[in-house]
Amino acid sequence: MTEIIEVKNLTYRGMKEYNVNGKIEQRPTMKLIDLTKEEWNNYAVKKNTEMYIKLTGMKPTTYEEVKQWVQSLIIDTEKAPAATGA
């Protein structure tokens, strides 16, 4: 399933039973997302807000609050120390 996780325009829809060579197996189901720029932005607002609520336990008063939280999670590559191989 690693290959599926790396695809950016799929959304996980849950597990579904499939008949595979006479055996019932649980398989992940995905939905391909083909959206316009505006639709992607709306999707990002929705997902960012959902994640904000899930991880902070608080409901934001504005989306600006969510945007600031998202930005706080992004590493500033100019300020971050260089990664070293172990």
N, C-alpha and C. Protein backbone atom coordinates (compact mmCIF):
# COMPACT_ATOMS: atom_id res chain seq x y z
N MET A 1 0.82 -1.19 0.00
CA MET A 1 0.00 0.00 0.00
C MET A 1 0.86 1.26 0.00
N THR A 2 2.18 1.12 0.13
CA THR A 2 3.07 2.27 0.11
C THR A 2 2.91 3.07 -1.17
N GLU A 3 2.75 2.38 -2.31
CA GLU A 3 2.61 3.07 -3.58
C GLU A 3 1.37 3.97 -3.58
N ILE A 4 0.30 3.51 -2.99
CA ILE A 4 -0.95 4.28 -2.96
C ILE A 4 -0.80 5.52 -2.09
N ILE A 5 -0.12 5.38 -0.97
CA ILE A 5 0.03 6.50 -0.04
C ILE A 5 0.76 7.66 -0.71
N GLU A 6 1.68 7.38 -1.63
CA GLU A 6 2.47 8.42 -2.26
C GLU A 6 1.71 9.17 -3.35
N VAL A 7 0.57 8.69 -3.77
CA VAL A 7 -0.23 9.36 -4.79
C VAL A 7 -1.00 10.49 -4.12
N LYS A 8 -0.83 11.70 -4.61
CA LYS A 8 -1.38 12.87 -3.94
C LYS A 8 -2.86 13.11 -4.21
N ASN A 9 -3.40 12.60 -5.31
CA ASN A 9 -4.77 12.93 -5.65
C ASN A 9 -5.75 11.77 -5.41
N LEU A 10 -5.47 10.98 -4.38
CA LEU A 10 -6.38 9.93 -3.96
C LEU A 10 -6.86 10.22 -2.56
N THR A 11 -8.08 9.87 -2.28
CA THR A 11 -8.60 9.98 -0.92
C THR A 11 -9.09 8.60 -0.50
N TYR A 12 -8.73 8.21 0.70
CA TYR A 12 -9.09 6.90 1.24
C TYR A 12 -10.57 6.88 1.59
N ARG A 13 -11.28 5.83 1.16
CA ARG A 13 -12.72 5.73 1.41
C ARG A 13 -13.07 4.60 2.36
N GLY A 14 -12.10 3.85 2.81
CA GLY A 14 -12.37 2.76 3.73
C GLY A 14 -12.06 1.41 3.11
N MET A 15 -12.39 0.36 3.85
CA MET A 15 -12.15 -1.01 3.40
C MET A 15 -13.44 -1.58 2.81
N LYS A 16 -13.28 -2.45 1.82
CA LYS A 16 -14.42 -3.09 1.19
C LYS A 16 -14.06 -4.54 0.92
N GLU A 17 -15.07 -5.42 1.00
CA GLU A 17 -14.83 -6.83 0.72
C GLU A 17 -14.88 -7.09 -0.78
N TYR A 18 -13.88 -7.83 -1.27
CA TYR A 18 -13.82 -8.21 -2.67
C TYR A 18 -13.62 -9.71 -2.76
N ASN A 19 -14.18 -10.32 -3.81
CA ASN A 19 -13.98 -11.73 -4.08
C ASN A 19 -12.74 -11.84 -4.97
N VAL A 20 -11.67 -12.38 -4.40
CA VAL A 20 -10.41 -12.52 -5.12
C VAL A 20 -10.10 -14.01 -5.25
N ASN A 21 -10.25 -14.53 -6.47
CA ASN A 21 -9.99 -15.95 -6.72
C ASN A 21 -10.77 -16.85 -5.77
N GLY A 22 -12.03 -16.51 -5.55
CA GLY A 22 -12.90 -17.33 -4.70
C GLY A 22 -12.76 -17.08 -3.21
N LYS A 23 -11.88 -16.17 -2.82
CA LYS A 23 -11.70 -15.83 -1.40
C LYS A 23 -12.16 -14.39 -1.17
N ILE A 24 -12.87 -14.17 -0.07
CA ILE A 24 -13.30 -12.82 0.29
C ILE A 24 -12.13 -12.15 1.02
N GLU A 25 -11.70 -11.01 0.50
CA GLU A 25 -10.59 -10.26 1.10
C GLU A 25 -11.00 -8.81 1.31
N GLN A 26 -10.48 -8.22 2.38
CA GLN A 26 -10.67 -6.80 2.65
C GLN A 26 -9.61 -6.03 1.88
N ARG A 27 -10.03 -5.05 1.11
CA ARG A 27 -9.10 -4.22 0.35
C ARG A 27 -9.44 -2.75 0.56
N PRO A 28 -8.42 -1.90 0.56
CA PRO A 28 -8.70 -0.46 0.69
C PRO A 28 -9.36 0.06 -0.58
N THR A 29 -10.27 1.00 -0.41
CA THR A 29 -10.89 1.64 -1.57
C THR A 29 -10.49 3.11 -1.58
N MET A 30 -10.25 3.60 -2.76
CA MET A 30 -9.80 4.98 -2.94
C MET A 30 -10.70 5.68 -3.94
N LYS A 31 -10.69 7.00 -3.86
CA LYS A 31 -11.40 7.81 -4.85
C LYS A 31 -10.39 8.76 -5.46
N LEU A 32 -10.34 8.78 -6.78
CA LEU A 32 -9.46 9.69 -7.49
C LEU A 32 -10.06 11.09 -7.45
N ILE A 33 -9.25 12.06 -7.06
CA ILE A 33 -9.71 13.43 -6.97
C ILE A 33 -9.13 14.22 -8.14
N ASP A 34 -9.98 14.75 -8.99
CA ASP A 34 -9.57 15.58 -10.11
C ASP A 34 -10.31 16.91 -9.96
N LEU A 35 -9.66 17.84 -9.30
CA LEU A 35 -10.32 19.09 -8.93
C LEU A 35 -9.70 20.30 -9.61
N THR A 36 -10.47 21.37 -9.71
CA THR A 36 -9.94 22.65 -10.18
C THR A 36 -9.10 23.26 -9.05
N LYS A 37 -8.38 24.32 -9.36
CA LYS A 37 -7.57 25.01 -8.36
C LYS A 37 -8.44 25.48 -7.19
N GLU A 38 -9.60 26.06 -7.51
CA GLU A 38 -10.51 26.54 -6.47
C GLU A 38 -11.01 25.39 -5.60
N GLU A 39 -11.35 24.27 -6.26
CA GLU A 39 -11.83 23.10 -5.50
C GLU A 39 -10.72 22.54 -4.61
N TRP A 40 -9.47 22.51 -5.11
CA TRP A 40 -8.35 22.05 -4.28
C TRP A 40 -8.18 22.97 -3.07
N ASN A 41 -8.28 24.27 -3.28
CA ASN A 41 -8.14 25.21 -2.17
C ASN A 41 -9.24 25.01 -1.13
N ASN A 42 -10.48 24.82 -1.59
CA ASN A 42 -11.58 24.55 -0.66
C ASN A 42 -11.36 23.24 0.09
N TYR A 43 -10.85 22.23 -0.61
CA TYR A 43 -10.55 20.93 0.01
C TYR A 43 -9.47 21.10 1.08
N ALA A 44 -8.45 21.90 0.77
CA ALA A 44 -7.37 22.14 1.73
C ALA A 44 -7.89 22.86 2.97
N VAL A 45 -8.76 23.85 2.78
CA VAL A 45 -9.36 24.56 3.92
C VAL A 45 -10.11 23.57 4.81
N LYS A 46 -10.90 22.72 4.19
CA LYS A 46 -11.68 21.74 4.95
C LYS A 46 -10.78 20.79 5.71
N LYS A 47 -9.78 20.21 5.03
CA LYS A 47 -8.90 19.23 5.67
C LYS A 47 -8.02 19.88 6.73
N ASN A 48 -7.50 21.08 6.46
CA ASN A 48 -6.69 21.78 7.46
C ASN A 48 -7.51 22.06 8.72
N THR A 49 -8.74 22.49 8.54
CA THR A 49 -9.60 22.79 9.68
C THR A 49 -9.92 21.52 10.46
N GLU A 50 -10.24 20.44 9.75
CA GLU A 50 -10.51 19.16 10.43
C GLU A 50 -9.30 18.71 11.25
N MET A 51 -8.10 18.82 10.67
CA MET A 51 -6.89 18.40 11.37
C MET A 51 -6.60 19.30 12.55
N TYR A 52 -6.84 20.60 12.40
CA TYR A 52 -6.65 21.55 13.50
C TYR A 52 -7.52 21.14 14.70
N ILE A 53 -8.79 20.88 14.43
CA ILE A 53 -9.71 20.50 15.50
C ILE A 53 -9.29 19.17 16.13
N LYS A 54 -8.91 18.22 15.29
CA LYS A 54 -8.52 16.89 15.79
C LYS A 54 -7.27 16.96 16.67
N LEU A 55 -6.27 17.74 16.25
CA LEU A 55 -5.00 17.75 16.97
C LEU A 55 -4.94 18.75 18.12
N THR A 56 -5.73 19.82 18.05
CA THR A 56 -5.68 20.80 19.14
C THR A 56 -6.84 20.65 20.11
N GLY A 57 -7.92 20.00 19.63
CA GLY A 57 -9.11 19.86 20.46
C GLY A 57 -9.92 21.15 20.57
N MET A 58 -9.58 22.12 19.74
CA MET A 58 -10.29 23.41 19.77
C MET A 58 -10.93 23.70 18.42
N LYS A 59 -12.05 24.41 18.43
CA LYS A 59 -12.69 24.85 17.20
C LYS A 59 -12.18 26.26 16.90
N PRO A 60 -11.62 26.47 15.70
CA PRO A 60 -11.08 27.80 15.39
C PRO A 60 -12.19 28.83 15.21
N THR A 61 -11.88 30.08 15.55
CA THR A 61 -12.86 31.14 15.35
C THR A 61 -12.81 31.67 13.91
N THR A 62 -11.62 31.58 13.28
CA THR A 62 -11.46 32.00 11.88
C THR A 62 -10.51 31.03 11.19
N TYR A 63 -10.52 31.05 9.86
CA TYR A 63 -9.57 30.20 9.13
C TYR A 63 -8.16 30.75 9.26
N GLU A 64 -8.02 32.04 9.51
CA GLU A 64 -6.69 32.63 9.72
C GLU A 64 -5.98 31.93 10.88
N GLU A 65 -6.71 31.58 11.92
CA GLU A 65 -6.15 30.85 13.05
C GLU A 65 -5.60 29.49 12.60
N VAL A 66 -6.34 28.83 11.74
CA VAL A 66 -5.90 27.54 11.19
C VAL A 66 -4.66 27.73 10.34
N LYS A 67 -4.65 28.75 9.47
CA LYS A 67 -3.50 29.00 8.61
C LYS A 67 -2.24 29.26 9.43
N GLN A 68 -2.36 30.02 10.50
CA GLN A 68 -1.20 30.30 11.36
C GLN A 68 -0.70 29.01 12.00
N TRP A 69 -1.62 28.15 12.41
CA TRP A 69 -1.25 26.87 13.00
C TRP A 69 -0.52 26.01 11.97
N VAL A 70 -1.06 25.93 10.75
CA VAL A 70 -0.41 25.15 9.69
C VAL A 70 0.99 25.69 9.42
N GLN A 71 1.12 26.99 9.32
CA GLN A 71 2.43 27.60 9.07
C GLN A 71 3.41 27.28 10.19
N SER A 72 2.92 27.18 11.42
CA SER A 72 3.80 26.87 12.55
C SER A 72 4.36 25.46 12.46
N LEU A 73 3.72 24.61 11.68
CA LEU A 73 4.18 23.23 11.52
C LEU A 73 5.21 23.07 10.41
N ILE A 74 5.31 24.07 9.55
CA ILE A 74 6.22 23.99 8.40
C ILE A 74 7.60 24.44 8.83
N ILE A 75 8.59 23.63 8.53
CA ILE A 75 9.97 23.95 8.89
C ILE A 75 10.50 25.00 7.93
N ASP A 76 11.05 26.05 8.50
CA ASP A 76 11.70 27.07 7.68
C ASP A 76 13.08 26.54 7.32
N THR A 77 13.27 26.16 6.06
CA THR A 77 14.51 25.51 5.66
C THR A 77 15.73 26.42 5.78
N GLU A 78 15.53 27.73 5.77
CA GLU A 78 16.66 28.64 5.92
C GLU A 78 17.10 28.74 7.38
N LYS A 79 16.17 28.52 8.31
CA LYS A 79 16.50 28.61 9.72
C LYS A 79 16.84 27.26 10.34
N ALA A 80 16.34 26.19 9.74
CA ALA A 80 16.53 24.84 10.28
C ALA A 80 17.97 24.39 10.08
N PRO A 81 18.52 23.66 11.05
CA PRO A 81 19.87 23.12 10.87
C PRO A 81 19.88 22.10 9.73
N ALA A 82 21.00 21.98 9.07
CA ALA A 82 21.13 21.04 7.96
C ALA A 82 20.97 19.62 8.47
N ALA A 83 20.26 18.82 7.70
CA ALA A 83 20.09 17.40 8.05
C ALA A 83 21.40 16.67 7.81
N THR A 84 21.68 15.75 8.70
CA THR A 84 22.89 14.94 8.52
C THR A 84 22.50 13.48 8.40
N GLY A 85 23.18 12.77 7.57
CA GLY A 85 22.90 11.35 7.41
C GLY A 85 23.43 10.56 8.59
N ALA A 86 22.67 9.57 9.01
CA ALA A 86 23.12 8.76 10.16
C ALA A 86 23.85 7.54 9.69
